[in-house]
Structures are given as C-alpha cells and as structure tokens.
C-alpha cells in the first residue's frame, strides 16, 4: 500500500487533528464543562445514537457564554496533535487533497484549516448575538449540523467533484460520528479512538502521534 494510491483524505478535527473537544472547553467558561463533557463522551462512544440532538443539548448549555471565550480556547488550550503536521506534509507531497469534516465549529476549524493547509472543510457555525453565544448554530445551505451522515456526504461529494473512487479515499477519526465516512473510504483509520471505532477501523493508532500512520505505507516518499 502506497500513499500515492490515495487522492483524498478526510480528517475529523476535535481529538483527531487537535488535542481538545472544543465544545467542552467552551463550556468550561460557563462552569458546565463536566456536564457537557459527559454528553460529548457518550456521543463519541456511540451511546447516543442521534448526534444532532446531543449537540443541541450541549449548545443549550452554552447560551450566554461570551464569544471572547472562543478566542481564549483557541489561544490557550488548542494545540495540533503530535505528528499531524508531519503526516499532512507527507500526504500533500503524495498529491493527496485534504478535507476537514467536523461536528465542531468554524471558529476553530477555519483556523486549523489555514494552519495546516487543508483544501476543503465543513463544520458548524455558532450563532452569536450581542457578543454572546445563543446556544444555537446557524443554518447553512447544506443544513445546520454536521453529523456522521453529513461527514460521509461531504466526503463522497468532494470525491465526486475530484473524479475519485471510494478506494482512493482515506478517513481518519476517533468518535462514533466518524464511522459513516470511515465505512465508505478505501482506508479507515482510528486515531486514539473510542472502542467502537477501533473495532471497525482498518488501522488503529492507539499510541504515539498521527505520523504512526505513515509506517503503514511503503513509498519512496517515506524513505
């Protein structure tokens, strides 16, 4: 298996490309991190079958949080996970296009896309009024919330746009809402993932950084 066998790679963001679940850290500003994090954990483990409802429940708990908390989370708590930049560099050198698909928020994904040089992205837009979070997300042309089915849809739409077949796709994630896109990719990768995701992925990275993935490819680019 060579990197050049693949042409498009889709990555989850929270706890995959970056070290945190952004919604949990925003909730910390409202003194509700434990409550929100418990819902996040259950959703990522696949114990809550409706991701959209679980996100709406968490968003309601963020109502009234100052929008300035978003900048604090980004500046003080968000870090790119180990090995991600090395992996992205190798993928780009192999001619692979990069897609970020996140059930998180564009405030963070836009910045991560810019930092890492991704080609495509889809995430949710937090609604802000008078400098405060409303506890809702904004309707977009494709819908309002990126759940597992939307991640899969975005991956397949991007592949079609590029004239690619499923066997040319890579999908990387850690939570149950990543399973739909992983199921249609030629290579699925579980990165420090929940048990349900590890069980279904073709490759598991349970220790070390994202660049552990590169060891699975035989390519002159890797030498």
Protein backbone atom coordinates (compact mmCIF):
# COMPACT_ATOMS: atom_id res chain seq x y z
CA UNK A 1 0.00 0.00 0.00
CA UNK A 2 1.42 3.34 -1.08
CA UNK A 3 0.37 6.88 -0.26
CA UNK A 4 0.05 7.59 -3.97
CA UNK A 5 -2.77 5.01 -4.14
CA UNK A 6 -4.93 7.63 -2.40
CA UNK A 7 -6.10 11.04 -3.61
CA UNK A 8 -8.32 12.48 -0.84
CA UNK A 9 -8.07 12.21 2.95
CA UNK A 10 -10.85 13.29 5.33
CA UNK A 11 -10.00 14.10 8.94
CA UNK A 12 -12.15 14.73 11.96
CA UNK A 13 -10.93 17.74 13.94
CA UNK A 14 -11.60 17.54 17.69
CA UNK A 15 -9.40 14.94 19.42
CA UNK A 16 -8.03 13.92 16.00
CA UNK A 17 -6.24 16.85 14.39
CA UNK A 18 -6.33 18.81 17.66
CA UNK A 19 -5.94 17.87 21.31
CA UNK A 20 -9.30 19.01 22.70
CA UNK A 21 -13.06 18.79 22.27
CA UNK A 22 -13.69 22.48 21.71
CA UNK A 23 -17.27 22.44 22.96
CA UNK A 24 -16.14 21.02 26.31
CA UNK A 25 -13.58 23.80 26.72
CA UNK A 26 -16.12 26.50 25.81
CA UNK A 27 -18.43 25.02 28.43
CA UNK A 28 -15.68 25.47 30.99
CA UNK A 29 -16.23 29.21 30.68
CA UNK A 30 -19.83 28.65 31.80
CA UNK A 31 -18.85 26.35 34.66
CA UNK A 32 -20.55 23.47 32.84
CA UNK A 33 -17.62 21.50 31.47
CA UNK A 34 -18.38 18.30 33.37
CA UNK A 35 -22.00 18.27 32.22
CA UNK A 36 -21.16 18.97 28.58
CA UNK A 37 -18.15 16.66 28.52
CA UNK A 38 -20.28 13.77 29.77
CA UNK A 39 -22.64 14.19 26.80
CA UNK A 40 -19.69 14.53 24.41
CA UNK A 41 -18.12 11.34 25.72
CA UNK A 42 -21.36 9.40 25.40
CA UNK A 43 -21.87 10.67 21.84
CA UNK A 44 -18.32 9.79 20.79
CA UNK A 45 -18.65 6.31 22.26
CA UNK A 46 -21.80 5.76 20.22
CA UNK A 47 -24.04 5.55 23.29
CA UNK A 48 -26.18 8.43 22.00
CA UNK A 49 -27.44 7.50 18.55
CA UNK A 50 -28.60 10.96 17.49
CA UNK A 51 -25.55 13.25 17.27
CA UNK A 52 -27.64 16.27 16.26
CA UNK A 53 -29.78 16.04 19.37
CA UNK A 54 -26.72 15.55 21.58
CA UNK A 55 -25.08 18.63 20.09
CA UNK A 56 -28.22 20.72 20.54
CA UNK A 57 -28.36 19.65 24.20
CA UNK A 58 -24.77 20.76 24.69
CA UNK A 59 -25.26 24.01 22.79
CA UNK A 60 -28.18 24.97 25.04
CA UNK A 61 -25.81 24.79 27.99
CA UNK A 62 -23.52 27.32 26.29
CA UNK A 63 -26.21 30.01 25.99
CA UNK A 64 -24.90 33.30 27.33
CA UNK A 65 -21.21 32.40 27.20
CA UNK A 66 -19.20 35.42 25.96
CA UNK A 67 -17.90 34.98 22.43
CA UNK A 68 -14.49 36.02 23.77
CA UNK A 69 -14.30 32.57 25.37
CA UNK A 70 -13.79 31.12 21.90
CA UNK A 71 -10.60 33.09 21.39
CA UNK A 72 -9.37 32.07 24.83
CA UNK A 73 -9.92 28.39 23.99
CA UNK A 74 -8.11 28.73 20.69
CA UNK A 75 -5.19 30.72 22.07
CA UNK A 76 -4.65 28.90 25.36
CA UNK A 77 -5.97 25.34 25.04
CA UNK A 78 -5.99 24.22 21.41
CA UNK A 79 -2.89 22.50 20.08
CA UNK A 80 -2.28 20.48 16.93
CA UNK A 81 -1.84 16.85 17.89
CA UNK A 82 1.63 15.26 17.70
CA UNK A 83 2.63 14.00 14.27
CA UNK A 84 -0.24 15.73 12.46
CA UNK A 85 1.92 18.27 10.64
CA UNK A 86 4.39 15.58 9.52
CA UNK A 87 1.53 13.43 8.26
CA UNK A 88 -0.12 16.30 6.41
CA UNK A 89 3.20 17.23 4.77
CA UNK A 90 3.64 13.65 3.54
CA UNK A 91 0.06 13.50 2.25
CA UNK A 92 0.50 16.75 0.34
CA UNK A 93 3.78 15.52 -1.16
CA UNK A 94 1.92 12.45 -2.41
CA UNK A 95 -0.69 14.66 -4.10
CA UNK A 96 -3.49 13.90 -1.64
CA UNK A 97 -6.17 16.55 -1.18
CA UNK A 98 -7.23 17.26 2.41
CA UNK A 99 -10.73 17.58 3.83
CA UNK A 100 -11.63 18.59 7.39
CA UNK A 101 -15.10 17.44 8.48
CA UNK A 102 -16.13 18.39 11.99
CA UNK A 103 -19.14 18.32 14.24
CA UNK A 104 -17.38 21.24 15.90
CA UNK A 105 -17.31 24.88 14.95
CA UNK A 106 -15.97 27.03 12.14
CA UNK A 107 -14.41 29.47 14.62
CA UNK A 108 -11.82 26.75 15.24
CA UNK A 109 -11.92 24.76 12.00
CA UNK A 110 -11.25 27.83 9.83
CA UNK A 111 -8.08 28.49 11.81
CA UNK A 112 -6.98 24.85 11.78
CA UNK A 113 -7.59 24.65 8.01
CA UNK A 114 -5.41 27.70 7.50
CA UNK A 115 -2.65 26.44 9.81
CA UNK A 116 -2.47 23.02 8.20
CA UNK A 117 -3.26 23.98 4.60
CA UNK A 118 -6.39 21.91 4.06
CA UNK A 119 -8.24 22.13 0.75
CA UNK A 120 -11.84 21.63 1.92
CA UNK A 121 -13.80 21.86 5.16
CA UNK A 122 -17.25 21.56 6.66
CA UNK A 123 -18.25 22.45 10.22
CA UNK A 124 -20.99 24.18 12.22
CA UNK A 125 -21.37 27.95 12.62
CA UNK A 126 -22.07 29.16 16.16
CA UNK A 127 -24.72 31.85 16.40
CA UNK A 128 -23.55 34.93 18.30
CA UNK A 129 -25.74 37.89 19.26
CA UNK A 130 -24.56 40.94 21.19
CA UNK A 131 -21.25 39.23 21.87
CA UNK A 132 -22.85 36.17 23.49
CA UNK A 133 -23.46 32.61 22.29
CA UNK A 134 -27.17 32.00 21.73
CA UNK A 135 -26.96 28.26 22.25
CA UNK A 136 -27.73 27.62 18.60
CA UNK A 137 -25.94 27.09 15.29
CA UNK A 138 -26.72 28.89 12.04
CA UNK A 139 -28.50 27.18 9.15
CA UNK A 140 -26.24 26.78 6.11
CA UNK A 141 -27.01 25.76 2.53
CA UNK A 142 -26.32 22.09 3.29
CA UNK A 143 -28.04 22.02 6.70
CA UNK A 144 -27.36 23.14 10.26
CA UNK A 145 -25.34 20.40 12.00
CA UNK A 146 -22.51 18.19 10.74
CA UNK A 147 -23.28 14.70 12.00
CA UNK A 148 -21.93 11.36 10.83
CA UNK A 149 -24.11 11.24 7.72
CA UNK A 150 -23.10 14.78 6.75
CA UNK A 151 -19.42 13.84 7.12
CA UNK A 152 -19.95 10.88 4.80
CA UNK A 153 -21.93 13.02 2.36
CA UNK A 154 -19.22 15.69 2.27
CA UNK A 155 -16.51 13.10 1.68
CA UNK A 156 -18.41 11.46 -1.18
CA UNK A 157 -19.39 14.81 -2.74
CA UNK A 158 -15.78 16.01 -2.65
CA UNK A 159 -14.61 12.71 -4.14
CA UNK A 160 -17.16 13.01 -6.94
CA UNK A 161 -16.07 16.59 -7.60
CA UNK A 162 -12.49 15.34 -7.97
CA UNK A 163 -13.48 12.31 -10.05
CA UNK A 164 -12.34 9.83 -7.40
CA UNK A 165 -13.49 6.34 -6.45
CA UNK A 166 -14.01 5.12 -2.85
CA UNK A 167 -10.82 3.05 -2.89
CA UNK A 168 -8.87 6.31 -3.32
CA UNK A 169 -10.22 7.80 -0.08
CA UNK A 170 -8.82 7.85 3.46
CA UNK A 171 -10.96 8.70 6.51
CA UNK A 172 -9.45 9.40 9.94
CA UNK A 173 -11.41 9.87 13.14
CA UNK A 174 -11.90 8.98 16.79
CA UNK A 175 -15.63 9.03 17.53
CA UNK A 176 -18.78 7.17 16.55
CA UNK A 177 -19.88 10.04 14.32
CA UNK A 178 -16.82 9.32 12.15
CA UNK A 179 -17.92 5.76 11.38
CA UNK A 180 -20.20 6.62 8.41
CA UNK A 181 -17.38 8.33 6.48
CA UNK A 182 -14.93 5.63 7.51
CA UNK A 183 -17.29 3.00 6.12
CA UNK A 184 -17.11 4.39 2.58
CA UNK A 185 -13.35 5.04 2.46
CA UNK A 186 -10.79 2.71 0.96
CA UNK A 187 -8.74 3.13 4.14
CA UNK A 188 -10.22 3.89 7.58
CA UNK A 189 -8.02 4.99 10.47
CA UNK A 190 -8.93 5.14 14.16
CA UNK A 191 -6.75 7.67 15.97
CA UNK A 192 -6.73 7.27 19.79
CA UNK A 193 -10.34 6.31 19.22
CA UNK A 194 -13.31 5.03 21.17
CA UNK A 195 -13.65 1.22 21.34
CA UNK A 196 -16.48 1.06 18.80
CA UNK A 197 -14.37 2.97 16.29
CA UNK A 198 -11.24 0.91 16.86
CA UNK A 199 -13.22 -2.27 16.25
CA UNK A 200 -14.36 -1.13 12.80
CA UNK A 201 -11.25 0.67 11.52
CA UNK A 202 -8.72 -0.90 9.18
CA UNK A 203 -5.82 0.78 11.00
CA UNK A 204 -5.65 1.65 14.70
CA UNK A 205 -3.27 4.22 16.15
CA UNK A 206 -3.61 3.73 19.88
CA UNK A 207 -0.22 5.09 20.94
CA UNK A 208 2.09 7.78 19.59
CA UNK A 209 1.36 10.58 17.17
CA UNK A 210 -0.56 10.77 13.92
CA UNK A 211 2.65 10.11 11.99
CA UNK A 212 2.45 6.47 13.16
CA UNK A 213 0.07 6.19 10.21
CA UNK A 214 2.94 6.74 7.78
CA UNK A 215 4.55 3.47 8.84
CA UNK A 216 1.70 1.62 7.14
CA UNK A 217 2.67 2.90 3.70
CA UNK A 218 5.51 1.66 1.52
CA UNK A 219 6.55 4.59 -0.61
CA UNK A 220 9.67 6.34 -1.78
CA UNK A 221 8.17 9.40 -0.12
CA UNK A 222 8.55 7.67 3.23
CA UNK A 223 12.22 6.76 2.83
